[in-house]
Amino acid sequence: MTQSKTWDKNRRFYDEQVAPLIHDRFGEYEDRIAVGIAGEGSDCFGYDDLISRDHDFGTGVCLWITDEDMEKFGHSLSEAYDELVDSEERGYFTQRLRQRRGVMTIHDFYSNILRIDCDTDNCQISEQQWYALDHTCLKTAVNGCVFKDELGQFSAFRKLLTDYYPERVWRMRIAEQLHEYASSLQVNYARCMTRGDLVAAQICRTRGLQAAMELFFLLKREYPPYYKWTYRALTELDAAGELSGKLEDLAKTECSAEAWDGTPYHPHRLNYKDRIVSLTESIASEIVELLIEDGLTAKRIPYLESYVDEMLKGI
């Protein structure tokens, strides 16, 4: 992940103003307050730019504390932090941005992002909860940067998440996306084009693109960010550009109705006159190589549905 200049501004704001405030007014609790910038917002991913500043943008930090400490001193700390922010000329802070920064409990930070009731005290997530979690929410929960955390509770739960999915959940998610790619691009795209349904064919292409990107992140054991940043993050991980270049070509290539004129549908015969079909198979081959690199298979069959049962063995 790219570190943005906003992170530097937030860190200076903490070092020069927030840290002295905490030390002077909440010194006895200083080592119980975790500080950093993480959560929702392009700045937390390091992807903010001039366009990002049209909404929910400004300098600030997150102050994470336990539920117990929120009752003890958290409300006073929150009032002091808000006074500090309001006293500075930092631009207009929307209500949404105020919710993303400032004082919050560790439990609420993770629970609100992941949309489950997180057991941050015992630092654990049940398998059922893992299954319910969304990829992008997980990335949002572990992005950004933690400046300090002497207590360690915030960072401990963060590590639980960054250690990635349990094996069973990981394999299940891979199987789901293998099926999604195969059904949308390797089967249904051809059916829709044969019928002349370009709208449905475009949906197949989009769903296949998304499945391919999710498979890449799963096989790299990384969480993808919010959908508008997913391809950018993928290009950063795909150093050689083998997969990212083909995905970009697939996104740019138009559905060719002419390629299907006079071509009868056959479930086992690929229509390579349509470049989307050839790109689909090339991308599938790249995904198969990733499966092999991960030790998940030893075979090379381009049809991704053929790997689903292999992923589910032992689950």
C-alpha atoms as a PDB file:
ATOM      1  CA  MET A   1       0.000   0.000   0.000  1.00  0.00           C
ATOM      2  CA  THR A   2       1.218   3.466  -0.911  1.00  0.00           C
ATOM      3  CA  GLN A   3       1.724   5.886   1.959  1.00  0.00           C
ATOM      4  CA  SER A   4       0.066   9.217   1.174  1.00  0.00           C
ATOM      5  CA  LYS A   5       1.158  12.709   2.093  1.00  0.00           C
ATOM      6  CA  THR A   6      -2.031  12.879   4.179  1.00  0.00           C
ATOM      7  CA  TRP A   7      -0.558  10.233   6.511  1.00  0.00           C
ATOM      8  CA  ASP A   8       2.400  12.521   7.094  1.00  0.00           C
ATOM      9  CA  LYS A   9       0.087  15.458   7.828  1.00  0.00           C
ATOM     10  CA  ASN A  10      -1.939  13.343  10.236  1.00  0.00           C
ATOM     11  CA  ARG A  11       1.212  12.150  11.979  1.00  0.00           C
ATOM     12  CA  ARG A  12       2.472  15.737  12.378  1.00  0.00           C
ATOM     13  CA  PHE A  13      -0.928  16.772  13.712  1.00  0.00           C
ATOM     14  CA  TYR A  14      -0.695  14.003  16.287  1.00  0.00           C
ATOM     15  CA  ASP A  15       2.923  14.690  17.258  1.00  0.00           C
ATOM     16  CA  GLU A  16       2.578  18.463  17.445  1.00  0.00           C
ATOM     17  CA  GLN A  17      -0.916  18.915  18.876  1.00  0.00           C
ATOM     18  CA  VAL A  18      -2.781  15.755  19.895  1.00  0.00           C
ATOM     19  CA  ALA A  19       0.081  14.102  21.795  1.00  0.00           C
ATOM     20  CA  PRO A  20       0.769  17.221  23.919  1.00  0.00           C
ATOM     21  CA  LEU A  21      -2.970  17.516  24.621  1.00  0.00           C
ATOM     22  CA  ILE A  22      -3.123  13.925  25.845  1.00  0.00           C
ATOM     23  CA  HIS A  23       0.055  14.283  27.873  1.00  0.00           C
ATOM     24  CA  ASP A  24      -1.062  17.500  29.582  1.00  0.00           C
ATOM     25  CA  ARG A  25      -4.703  16.647  30.270  1.00  0.00           C
ATOM     26  CA  PHE A  26      -4.869  12.833  30.235  1.00  0.00           C
ATOM     27  CA  GLY A  27      -1.341  11.907  31.251  1.00  0.00           C
ATOM     28  CA  GLU A  28      -2.364   9.074  33.576  1.00  0.00           C
ATOM     29  CA  TYR A  29      -4.105   7.338  30.677  1.00  0.00           C
ATOM     30  CA  GLU A  30      -1.512   8.130  28.012  1.00  0.00           C
ATOM     31  CA  ASP A  31      -0.298   4.546  27.633  1.00  0.00           C
ATOM     32  CA  ARG A  32      -3.864   3.241  27.214  1.00  0.00           C
ATOM     33  CA  ILE A  33      -4.675   5.248  24.071  1.00  0.00           C
ATOM     34  CA  ALA A  34      -3.836   3.741  20.669  1.00  0.00           C
ATOM     35  CA  VAL A  35      -3.423   6.305  17.912  1.00  0.00           C
ATOM     36  CA  GLY A  36      -3.248   6.161  14.138  1.00  0.00           C
ATOM     37  CA  ILE A  37      -5.216   6.578  10.957  1.00  0.00           C
ATOM     38  CA  ALA A  38      -7.218   3.636   9.621  1.00  0.00           C
ATOM     39  CA  GLY A  39     -10.679   2.744   8.420  1.00  0.00           C
ATOM     40  CA  GLU A  40     -12.916   4.307   5.788  1.00  0.00           C
ATOM     41  CA  GLY A  41     -11.591   6.896   3.360  1.00  0.00           C
ATOM     42  CA  SER A  42      -9.165   6.899   0.438  1.00  0.00           C
ATOM     43  CA  ASP A  43      -6.543   8.589   2.630  1.00  0.00           C
ATOM     44  CA  CYS A  44      -6.436   5.501   4.865  1.00  0.00           C
ATOM     45  CA  PHE A  45      -5.512   3.412   1.813  1.00  0.00           C
ATOM     46  CA  GLY A  46      -2.896   5.913   0.674  1.00  0.00           C
ATOM     47  CA  TYR A  47      -4.942   6.576  -2.463  1.00  0.00           C
ATOM     48  CA  ASP A  48      -6.149  10.108  -1.830  1.00  0.00           C
ATOM     49  CA  ASP A  49      -5.549  12.789  -4.454  1.00  0.00           C
ATOM     50  CA  LEU A  50      -7.014  16.158  -5.416  1.00  0.00           C
ATOM     51  CA  ILE A  51     -10.258  14.495  -6.500  1.00  0.00           C
ATOM     52  CA  SER A  52     -10.600  12.916  -3.050  1.00  0.00           C
ATOM     53  CA  ARG A  53     -10.934  16.318  -1.433  1.00  0.00           C
ATOM     54  CA  ASP A  54     -14.457  16.956  -2.675  1.00  0.00           C
ATOM     55  CA  HIS A  55     -15.959  15.101   0.317  1.00  0.00           C
ATOM     56  CA  ASP A  56     -15.119  13.791   3.800  1.00  0.00           C
ATOM     57  CA  PHE A  57     -11.518  14.991   3.668  1.00  0.00           C
ATOM     58  CA  GLY A  58      -9.410  16.611   6.368  1.00  0.00           C
ATOM     59  CA  THR A  59      -6.549  16.218   8.832  1.00  0.00           C
ATOM     60  CA  GLY A  60      -7.249  14.143  11.911  1.00  0.00           C
ATOM     61  CA  VAL A  61      -6.397  10.955  13.770  1.00  0.00           C
ATOM     62  CA  CYS A  62      -8.178   8.032  15.374  1.00  0.00           C
ATOM     63  CA  LEU A  63      -7.889   7.531  19.146  1.00  0.00           C
ATOM     64  CA  TRP A  64      -8.792   3.936  20.053  1.00  0.00           C
ATOM     65  CA  ILE A  65      -9.590   2.960  23.638  1.00  0.00           C
ATOM     66  CA  THR A  66     -11.310   0.102  25.468  1.00  0.00           C
ATOM     67  CA  ASP A  67     -14.981   0.150  26.457  1.00  0.00           C
ATOM     68  CA  GLU A  68     -13.934   0.486  30.092  1.00  0.00           C
ATOM     69  CA  ASP A  69     -11.744   3.485  29.334  1.00  0.00           C
ATOM     70  CA  MET A  70     -14.496   5.119  27.312  1.00  0.00           C
ATOM     71  CA  GLU A  71     -16.610   5.148  30.470  1.00  0.00           C
ATOM     72  CA  LYS A  72     -13.692   6.356  32.586  1.00  0.00           C
ATOM     73  CA  PHE A  73     -12.230   9.191  30.500  1.00  0.00           C
ATOM     74  CA  GLY A  74     -13.225   8.676  26.863  1.00  0.00           C
ATOM     75  CA  HIS A  75     -16.032  11.235  26.739  1.00  0.00           C
ATOM     76  CA  SER A  76     -13.804  13.937  28.211  1.00  0.00           C
ATOM     77  CA  LEU A  77     -11.028  13.009  25.786  1.00  0.00           C
ATOM     78  CA  SER A  78     -13.482  13.212  22.897  1.00  0.00           C
ATOM     79  CA  GLU A  79     -14.626  16.689  23.932  1.00  0.00           C
ATOM     80  CA  ALA A  80     -11.009  17.852  24.207  1.00  0.00           C
ATOM     81  CA  TYR A  81     -10.115  16.406  20.803  1.00  0.00           C
ATOM     82  CA  ASP A  82     -13.163  18.016  19.148  1.00  0.00           C
ATOM     83  CA  GLU A  83     -12.269  21.368  20.672  1.00  0.00           C
ATOM     84  CA  LEU A  84      -8.759  21.058  19.271  1.00  0.00           C
ATOM     85  CA  VAL A  85     -10.008  20.187  15.799  1.00  0.00           C
ATOM     86  CA  ASP A  86     -12.589  22.979  15.810  1.00  0.00           C
ATOM     87  CA  SER A  87     -10.004  25.520  16.925  1.00  0.00           C
ATOM     88  CA  GLU A  88      -7.821  24.905  13.888  1.00  0.00           C
ATOM     89  CA  GLU A  89      -8.485  26.022  10.342  1.00  0.00           C
ATOM     90  CA  ARG A  90      -8.738  22.548   8.858  1.00  0.00           C
ATOM     91  CA  GLY A  91     -11.595  23.109   6.457  1.00  0.00           C
ATOM     92  CA  TYR A  92     -15.152  21.974   6.908  1.00  0.00           C
ATOM     93  CA  PHE A  93     -15.413  18.643   8.730  1.00  0.00           C
ATOM     94  CA  THR A  94     -18.493  16.748   7.609  1.00  0.00           C
ATOM     95  CA  GLN A  95     -20.381  14.691  10.161  1.00  0.00           C
ATOM     96  CA  ARG A  96     -19.262  11.552   8.333  1.00  0.00           C
ATOM     97  CA  LEU A  97     -15.596  12.523   8.665  1.00  0.00           C
ATOM     98  CA  ARG A  98     -16.074  13.248  12.360  1.00  0.00           C
ATOM     99  CA  GLN A  99     -17.390   9.708  12.764  1.00  0.00           C
ATOM    100  CA  ARG A 100     -14.293   8.319  11.054  1.00  0.00           C
ATOM    101  CA  ARG A 101     -11.803  10.204  13.238  1.00  0.00           C
ATOM    102  CA  GLY A 102     -11.492  11.104  16.888  1.00  0.00           C
ATOM    103  CA  VAL A 103     -12.145   8.985  19.972  1.00  0.00           C
ATOM    104  CA  MET A 104     -13.811   5.587  19.565  1.00  0.00           C
ATOM    105  CA  THR A 105     -13.725   2.219  21.283  1.00  0.00           C
ATOM    106  CA  ILE A 106     -11.668  -0.598  19.810  1.00  0.00           C
ATOM    107  CA  HIS A 107     -14.779  -2.763  19.785  1.00  0.00           C
ATOM    108  CA  ASP A 108     -16.881  -0.216  17.908  1.00  0.00           C
ATOM    109  CA  PHE A 109     -14.177   0.549  15.342  1.00  0.00           C
ATOM    110  CA  TYR A 110     -13.841  -3.071  14.256  1.00  0.00           C
ATOM    111  CA  SER A 111     -17.508  -3.995  14.707  1.00  0.00           C
ATOM    112  CA  ASN A 112     -18.808  -1.064  12.659  1.00  0.00           C
ATOM    113  CA  ILE A 113     -16.427  -1.760   9.776  1.00  0.00           C
ATOM    114  CA  LEU A 114     -16.769  -5.560   9.758  1.00  0.00           C
ATOM    115  CA  ARG A 115     -20.514  -5.492  10.538  1.00  0.00           C
ATOM    116  CA  ILE A 116     -20.226  -8.188  13.185  1.00  0.00           C
ATOM    117  CA  ASP A 117     -19.987  -8.055  16.976  1.00  0.00           C
ATOM    118  CA  CYS A 118     -16.205  -8.332  17.352  1.00  0.00           C
ATOM    119  CA  ASP A 119     -14.752  -9.968  20.467  1.00  0.00           C
ATOM    120  CA  THR A 120     -11.823  -7.586  20.782  1.00  0.00           C
ATOM    121  CA  ASP A 121     -11.311  -8.392  24.470  1.00  0.00           C
ATOM    122  CA  ASN A 122     -10.493 -12.062  23.788  1.00  0.00           C
ATOM    123  CA  CYS A 123      -9.175 -11.349  20.281  1.00  0.00           C
ATOM    124  CA  GLN A 124     -11.093 -14.047  18.445  1.00  0.00           C
ATOM    125  CA  ILE A 125     -13.490 -14.514  15.520  1.00  0.00           C
ATOM    126  CA  SER A 126     -15.657 -17.586  15.078  1.00  0.00           C
ATOM    127  CA  GLU A 127     -15.578 -19.544  11.822  1.00  0.00           C
ATOM    128  CA  GLN A 128     -19.181 -18.548  11.186  1.00  0.00           C
ATOM    129  CA  GLN A 129     -18.203 -14.888  11.510  1.00  0.00           C
ATOM    130  CA  TRP A 130     -15.250 -15.368   9.156  1.00  0.00           C
ATOM    131  CA  TYR A 131     -17.649 -16.755   6.533  1.00  0.00           C
ATOM    132  CA  ALA A 132     -19.883 -13.698   6.926  1.00  0.00           C
ATOM    133  CA  LEU A 133     -17.112 -11.140   6.465  1.00  0.00           C
ATOM    134  CA  ASP A 134     -16.730  -9.099   3.305  1.00  0.00           C
ATOM    135  CA  HIS A 135     -13.297  -8.842   1.612  1.00  0.00           C
ATOM    136  CA  THR A 136     -13.360  -5.078   1.284  1.00  0.00           C
ATOM    137  CA  CYS A 137     -14.499  -4.552   4.873  1.00  0.00           C
ATOM    138  CA  LEU A 138     -11.529  -6.590   6.060  1.00  0.00           C
ATOM    139  CA  LYS A 139      -9.119  -4.436   4.069  1.00  0.00           C
ATOM    140  CA  THR A 140     -10.753  -1.308   5.488  1.00  0.00           C
ATOM    141  CA  ALA A 141     -10.241  -2.641   9.018  1.00  0.00           C
ATOM    142  CA  VAL A 142      -6.485  -3.190   8.583  1.00  0.00           C
ATOM    143  CA  ASN A 143      -5.404  -0.360   6.282  1.00  0.00           C
ATOM    144  CA  GLY A 144      -3.616   2.843   7.273  1.00  0.00           C
ATOM    145  CA  CYS A 145      -1.020   3.119  10.003  1.00  0.00           C
ATOM    146  CA  VAL A 146      -0.902   2.728  13.789  1.00  0.00           C
ATOM    147  CA  PHE A 147       1.299   5.414  15.359  1.00  0.00           C
ATOM    148  CA  LYS A 148       1.326   4.056  18.916  1.00  0.00           C
ATOM    149  CA  ASP A 149      -0.331   1.294  20.924  1.00  0.00           C
ATOM    150  CA  GLU A 150       1.322   0.494  24.247  1.00  0.00           C
ATOM    151  CA  LEU A 151      -1.765  -1.346  25.499  1.00  0.00           C
ATOM    152  CA  GLY A 152      -1.659  -3.618  22.456  1.00  0.00           C
ATOM    153  CA  GLN A 153      -5.329  -4.571  22.275  1.00  0.00           C
ATOM    154  CA  PHE A 154      -6.049  -2.671  19.068  1.00  0.00           C
ATOM    155  CA  SER A 155      -2.952  -4.089  17.345  1.00  0.00           C
ATOM    156  CA  ALA A 156      -3.670  -7.636  18.556  1.00  0.00           C
ATOM    157  CA  PHE A 157      -7.050  -7.732  16.832  1.00  0.00           C
ATOM    158  CA  ARG A 158      -5.528  -6.086  13.774  1.00  0.00           C
ATOM    159  CA  LYS A 159      -2.964  -8.907  13.618  1.00  0.00           C
ATOM    160  CA  LEU A 160      -5.727 -11.507  13.940  1.00  0.00           C
ATOM    161  CA  LEU A 161      -7.222 -10.059  10.757  1.00  0.00           C
ATOM    162  CA  THR A 162      -3.960  -9.616   8.841  1.00  0.00           C
ATOM    163  CA  ASP A 163      -3.000 -13.236   9.588  1.00  0.00           C
ATOM    164  CA  TYR A 164      -5.741 -13.931   7.026  1.00  0.00           C
ATOM    165  CA  TYR A 165      -8.608 -16.397   6.705  1.00  0.00           C
ATOM    166  CA  PRO A 166      -8.590 -19.784   8.421  1.00  0.00           C
ATOM    167  CA  GLU A 167      -7.764 -22.546   5.915  1.00  0.00           C
ATOM    168  CA  ARG A 168     -11.346 -23.806   5.587  1.00  0.00           C
ATOM    169  CA  VAL A 169     -12.761 -20.350   4.950  1.00  0.00           C
ATOM    170  CA  TRP A 170      -9.951 -19.535   2.519  1.00  0.00           C
ATOM    171  CA  ARG A 171     -10.590 -22.656   0.438  1.00  0.00           C
ATOM    172  CA  MET A 172     -14.330 -22.050   0.440  1.00  0.00           C
ATOM    173  CA  ARG A 173     -13.883 -18.512  -0.852  1.00  0.00           C
ATOM    174  CA  ILE A 174     -11.514 -19.664  -3.560  1.00  0.00           C
ATOM    175  CA  ALA A 175     -14.043 -22.306  -4.632  1.00  0.00           C
ATOM    176  CA  GLU A 176     -16.816 -19.714  -4.767  1.00  0.00           C
ATOM    177  CA  GLN A 177     -14.828 -17.390  -7.030  1.00  0.00           C
ATOM    178  CA  LEU A 178     -13.603 -20.216  -9.276  1.00  0.00           C
ATOM    179  CA  HIS A 179     -17.234 -21.141  -9.837  1.00  0.00           C
ATOM    180  CA  GLU A 180     -18.212 -17.502 -10.381  1.00  0.00           C
ATOM    181  CA  TYR A 181     -15.527 -16.965 -13.022  1.00  0.00           C
ATOM    182  CA  ALA A 182     -16.298 -20.199 -14.841  1.00  0.00           C
ATOM    183  CA  SER A 183     -20.058 -19.725 -14.849  1.00  0.00           C
ATOM    184  CA  SER A 184     -20.056 -16.065 -15.846  1.00  0.00           C
ATOM    185  CA  LEU A 185     -17.240 -15.863 -18.402  1.00  0.00           C
ATOM    186  CA  GLN A 186     -16.485 -19.417 -19.486  1.00  0.00           C
ATOM    187  CA  VAL A 187     -20.105 -20.538 -19.853  1.00  0.00           C
ATOM    188  CA  ASN A 188     -22.790 -17.873 -19.714  1.00  0.00           C
ATOM    189  CA  TYR A 189     -20.989 -15.199 -21.765  1.00  0.00           C
ATOM    190  CA  ALA A 190     -21.073 -17.445 -24.859  1.00  0.00           C
ATOM    191  CA  ARG A 191     -24.703 -18.345 -24.255  1.00  0.00           C
ATOM    192  CA  CYS A 192     -25.702 -14.693 -23.975  1.00  0.00           C
ATOM    193  CA  MET A 193     -23.761 -13.674 -27.084  1.00  0.00           C
ATOM    194  CA  THR A 194     -25.287 -16.544 -29.091  1.00  0.00           C
ATOM    195  CA  ARG A 195     -28.730 -15.275 -28.079  1.00  0.00           C
ATOM    196  CA  GLY A 196     -27.741 -11.720 -29.001  1.00  0.00           C
ATOM    197  CA  ASP A 197     -28.261 -10.469 -25.440  1.00  0.00           C
ATOM    198  CA  LEU A 198     -25.444  -7.923 -25.191  1.00  0.00           C
ATOM    199  CA  VAL A 199     -26.647  -6.511 -21.873  1.00  0.00           C
ATOM    200  CA  ALA A 200     -26.483  -9.896 -20.168  1.00  0.00           C
ATOM    201  CA  ALA A 201     -23.118 -10.565 -21.836  1.00  0.00           C
ATOM    202  CA  GLN A 202     -21.724  -7.324 -20.393  1.00  0.00           C
ATOM    203  CA  ILE A 203     -22.904  -8.391 -16.936  1.00  0.00           C
ATOM    204  CA  CYS A 204     -21.112 -11.719 -17.416  1.00  0.00           C
ATOM    205  CA  ARG A 205     -17.912  -9.898 -18.333  1.00  0.00           C
ATOM    206  CA  THR A 206     -18.135  -7.617 -15.298  1.00  0.00           C
ATOM    207  CA  ARG A 207     -18.822 -10.492 -12.906  1.00  0.00           C
ATOM    208  CA  GLY A 208     -15.941 -12.447 -14.403  1.00  0.00           C
ATOM    209  CA  LEU A 209     -13.580  -9.493 -14.020  1.00  0.00           C
ATOM    210  CA  GLN A 210     -14.523  -9.159 -10.374  1.00  0.00           C
ATOM    211  CA  ALA A 211     -14.126 -12.897  -9.739  1.00  0.00           C
ATOM    212  CA  ALA A 212     -10.680 -12.920 -11.369  1.00  0.00           C
ATOM    213  CA  MET A 213      -9.503 -10.035  -9.195  1.00  0.00           C
ATOM    214  CA  GLU A 214     -10.890 -11.617  -6.033  1.00  0.00           C
ATOM    215  CA  LEU A 215      -9.121 -14.878  -6.901  1.00  0.00           C
ATOM    216  CA  PHE A 216      -5.840 -13.012  -7.348  1.00  0.00           C
ATOM    217  CA  PHE A 217      -6.117 -11.434  -3.892  1.00  0.00           C
ATOM    218  CA  LEU A 218      -7.196 -14.709  -2.280  1.00  0.00           C
ATOM    219  CA  LEU A 219      -4.243 -16.563  -3.771  1.00  0.00           C
ATOM    220  CA  LYS A 220      -1.877 -13.774  -2.678  1.00  0.00           C
ATOM    221  CA  ARG A 221      -3.470 -13.877   0.796  1.00  0.00           C
ATOM    222  CA  GLU A 222      -4.305 -10.188   0.666  1.00  0.00           C
ATOM    223  CA  TYR A 223      -7.651  -8.442   1.126  1.00  0.00           C
ATOM    224  CA  PRO A 224      -8.814  -6.248  -1.766  1.00  0.00           C
ATOM    225  CA  PRO A 225      -9.874  -2.673  -1.012  1.00  0.00           C
ATOM    226  CA  TYR A 226     -13.154  -0.962  -1.903  1.00  0.00           C
ATOM    227  CA  TYR A 227     -14.137  -1.833  -5.486  1.00  0.00           C
ATOM    228  CA  LYS A 228     -13.029   1.439  -7.071  1.00  0.00           C
ATOM    229  CA  TRP A 229      -9.493   0.834  -5.756  1.00  0.00           C
ATOM    230  CA  THR A 230      -9.322  -2.937  -6.363  1.00  0.00           C
ATOM    231  CA  TYR A 231      -7.634  -2.853  -9.760  1.00  0.00           C
ATOM    232  CA  ARG A 232      -5.130  -0.231  -8.602  1.00  0.00           C
ATOM    233  CA  ALA A 233      -4.183  -2.386  -5.622  1.00  0.00           C
ATOM    234  CA  LEU A 234      -3.918  -5.419  -7.894  1.00  0.00           C
ATOM    235  CA  THR A 235      -1.439  -3.653 -10.196  1.00  0.00           C
ATOM    236  CA  GLU A 236       0.726  -2.879  -7.161  1.00  0.00           C
ATOM    237  CA  LEU A 237       0.832  -6.579  -6.185  1.00  0.00           C
ATOM    238  CA  ASP A 238       1.143  -7.902  -9.741  1.00  0.00           C
ATOM    239  CA  ALA A 239       4.697  -6.671 -10.271  1.00  0.00           C
ATOM    240  CA  ALA A 240       5.175  -8.426 -13.622  1.00  0.00           C
ATOM    241  CA  GLY A 241       1.811  -7.211 -14.886  1.00  0.00           C
ATOM    242  CA  GLU A 242       0.920 -10.618 -16.305  1.00  0.00           C
ATOM    243  CA  LEU A 243      -2.633 -10.681 -14.998  1.00  0.00           C
ATOM    244  CA  SER A 244      -3.343  -6.960 -14.613  1.00  0.00           C
ATOM    245  CA  GLY A 245      -2.573  -6.269 -18.285  1.00  0.00           C
ATOM    246  CA  LYS A 246      -4.999  -8.953 -19.450  1.00  0.00           C
ATOM    247  CA  LEU A 247      -7.690  -7.726 -17.077  1.00  0.00           C
ATOM    248  CA  GLU A 248      -7.330  -4.221 -18.474  1.00  0.00           C
ATOM    249  CA  ASP A 249      -7.596  -5.602 -22.018  1.00  0.00           C
ATOM    250  CA  LEU A 250     -10.739  -7.502 -21.058  1.00  0.00           C
ATOM    251  CA  ALA A 251     -12.270  -4.348 -19.594  1.00  0.00           C
ATOM    252  CA  LYS A 252     -11.485  -2.365 -22.751  1.00  0.00           C
ATOM    253  CA  THR A 253     -12.558  -4.963 -25.323  1.00  0.00           C
ATOM    254  CA  GLU A 254     -16.093  -4.492 -26.627  1.00  0.00           C
ATOM    255  CA  CYS A 255     -18.512  -7.369 -27.029  1.00  0.00           C
ATOM    256  CA  SER A 256     -18.465  -8.277 -30.729  1.00  0.00           C
ATOM    257  CA  ALA A 257     -21.890  -9.254 -32.040  1.00  0.00           C
ATOM    258  CA  GLU A 258     -20.335  -9.810 -35.483  1.00  0.00           C
ATOM    259  CA  ALA A 259     -18.089 -12.529 -34.085  1.00  0.00           C
ATOM    260  CA  TRP A 260     -21.178 -14.548 -33.256  1.00  0.00           C
ATOM    261  CA  ASP A 261     -23.082 -14.114 -36.503  1.00  0.00           C
ATOM    262  CA  GLY A 262     -23.720 -17.543 -37.955  1.00  0.00           C
ATOM    263  CA  THR A 263     -21.887 -19.273 -35.093  1.00  0.00           C
ATOM    264  CA  PRO A 264     -24.111 -21.881 -33.442  1.00  0.00           C
ATOM    265  CA  TYR A 265     -23.728 -22.419 -29.717  1.00  0.00           C
ATOM    266  CA  HIS A 266     -21.652 -25.410 -28.685  1.00  0.00           C
ATOM    267  CA  PRO A 267     -20.846 -25.983 -24.981  1.00  0.00           C
ATOM    268  CA  HIS A 268     -17.435 -27.508 -25.727  1.00  0.00           C
ATOM    269  CA  ARG A 269     -16.285 -25.375 -28.633  1.00  0.00           C
ATOM    270  CA  LEU A 270     -14.812 -21.933 -27.943  1.00  0.00           C
ATOM    271  CA  ASN A 271     -15.482 -19.082 -30.349  1.00  0.00           C
ATOM    272  CA  TYR A 272     -12.050 -17.457 -30.607  1.00  0.00           C
ATOM    273  CA  LYS A 273     -13.362 -15.001 -33.206  1.00  0.00           C
ATOM    274  CA  ASP A 274     -14.511 -13.026 -30.140  1.00  0.00           C
ATOM    275  CA  ARG A 275     -11.402 -11.601 -28.430  1.00  0.00           C
ATOM    276  CA  ILE A 276     -13.201 -11.642 -25.075  1.00  0.00           C
ATOM    277  CA  VAL A 277     -13.256 -15.428 -25.284  1.00  0.00           C
ATOM    278  CA  SER A 278      -9.502 -15.650 -25.886  1.00  0.00           C
ATOM    279  CA  LEU A 279      -8.794 -13.175 -23.082  1.00  0.00           C
ATOM    280  CA  THR A 280     -11.081 -15.164 -20.782  1.00  0.00           C
ATOM    281  CA  GLU A 281      -9.071 -18.328 -21.362  1.00  0.00           C
ATOM    282  CA  SER A 282      -5.743 -16.516 -21.031  1.00  0.00           C
ATOM    283  CA  ILE A 283      -6.789 -15.022 -17.682  1.00  0.00           C
ATOM    284  CA  ALA A 284      -7.988 -18.443 -16.544  1.00  0.00           C
ATOM    285  CA  SER A 285      -4.549 -19.866 -17.353  1.00  0.00           C
ATOM    286  CA  GLU A 286      -2.895 -17.174 -15.216  1.00  0.00           C
ATOM    287  CA  ILE A 287      -5.186 -18.082 -12.316  1.00  0.00           C
ATOM    288  CA  VAL A 288      -4.338 -21.769 -12.731  1.00  0.00           C
ATOM    289  CA  GLU A 289      -0.628 -20.901 -12.438  1.00  0.00           C
ATOM    290  CA  LEU A 290      -1.374 -19.098  -9.170  1.00  0.00           C
ATOM    291  CA  LEU A 291      -3.206 -22.198  -7.903  1.00  0.00           C
ATOM    292  CA  ILE A 292      -0.171 -24.304  -8.763  1.00  0.00           C
ATOM    293  CA  GLU A 293       2.215 -21.844  -7.082  1.00  0.00           C
ATOM    294  CA  ASP A 294       0.109 -22.088  -3.919  1.00  0.00           C
ATOM    295  CA  GLY A 295       0.287 -25.884  -3.992  1.00  0.00           C
ATOM    296  CA  LEU A 296      -3.484 -26.158  -4.424  1.00  0.00           C
ATOM    297  CA  THR A 297      -3.365 -28.244  -7.607  1.00  0.00           C
ATOM    298  CA  ALA A 298      -0.943 -30.031  -9.908  1.00  0.00           C
ATOM    299  CA  LYS A 299      -3.076 -30.014 -13.052  1.00  0.00           C
ATOM    300  CA  ARG A 300      -3.372 -27.428 -15.814  1.00  0.00           C
ATOM    301  CA  ILE A 301      -6.949 -27.319 -17.062  1.00  0.00           C
ATOM    302  CA  PRO A 302      -8.156 -23.867 -18.162  1.00  0.00           C
ATOM    303  CA  TYR A 303     -11.788 -24.480 -17.153  1.00  0.00           C
ATOM    304  CA  LEU A 304     -11.838 -23.159 -13.570  1.00  0.00           C
ATOM    305  CA  GLU A 305     -14.943 -25.066 -12.483  1.00  0.00           C
ATOM    306  CA  SER A 306     -12.822 -28.243 -12.626  1.00  0.00           C
ATOM    307  CA  TYR A 307     -10.880 -27.075  -9.537  1.00  0.00           C
ATOM    308  CA  VAL A 308     -13.862 -26.445  -7.266  1.00  0.00           C
ATOM    309  CA  ASP A 309     -14.100 -29.954  -5.801  1.00  0.00           C
ATOM    310  CA  GLU A 310     -10.340 -29.968  -5.254  1.00  0.00           C
ATOM    311  CA  MET A 311     -10.604 -26.788  -3.187  1.00  0.00           C
ATOM    312  CA  LEU A 312     -13.405 -28.229  -1.073  1.00  0.00           C
ATOM    313  CA  LYS A 313     -11.664 -31.505  -0.193  1.00  0.00           C
ATOM    314  CA  GLY A 314     -11.196 -31.788   3.551  1.00  0.00           C
ATOM    315  CA  ILE A 315     -13.533 -28.917   4.398  1.00  0.00           C
END
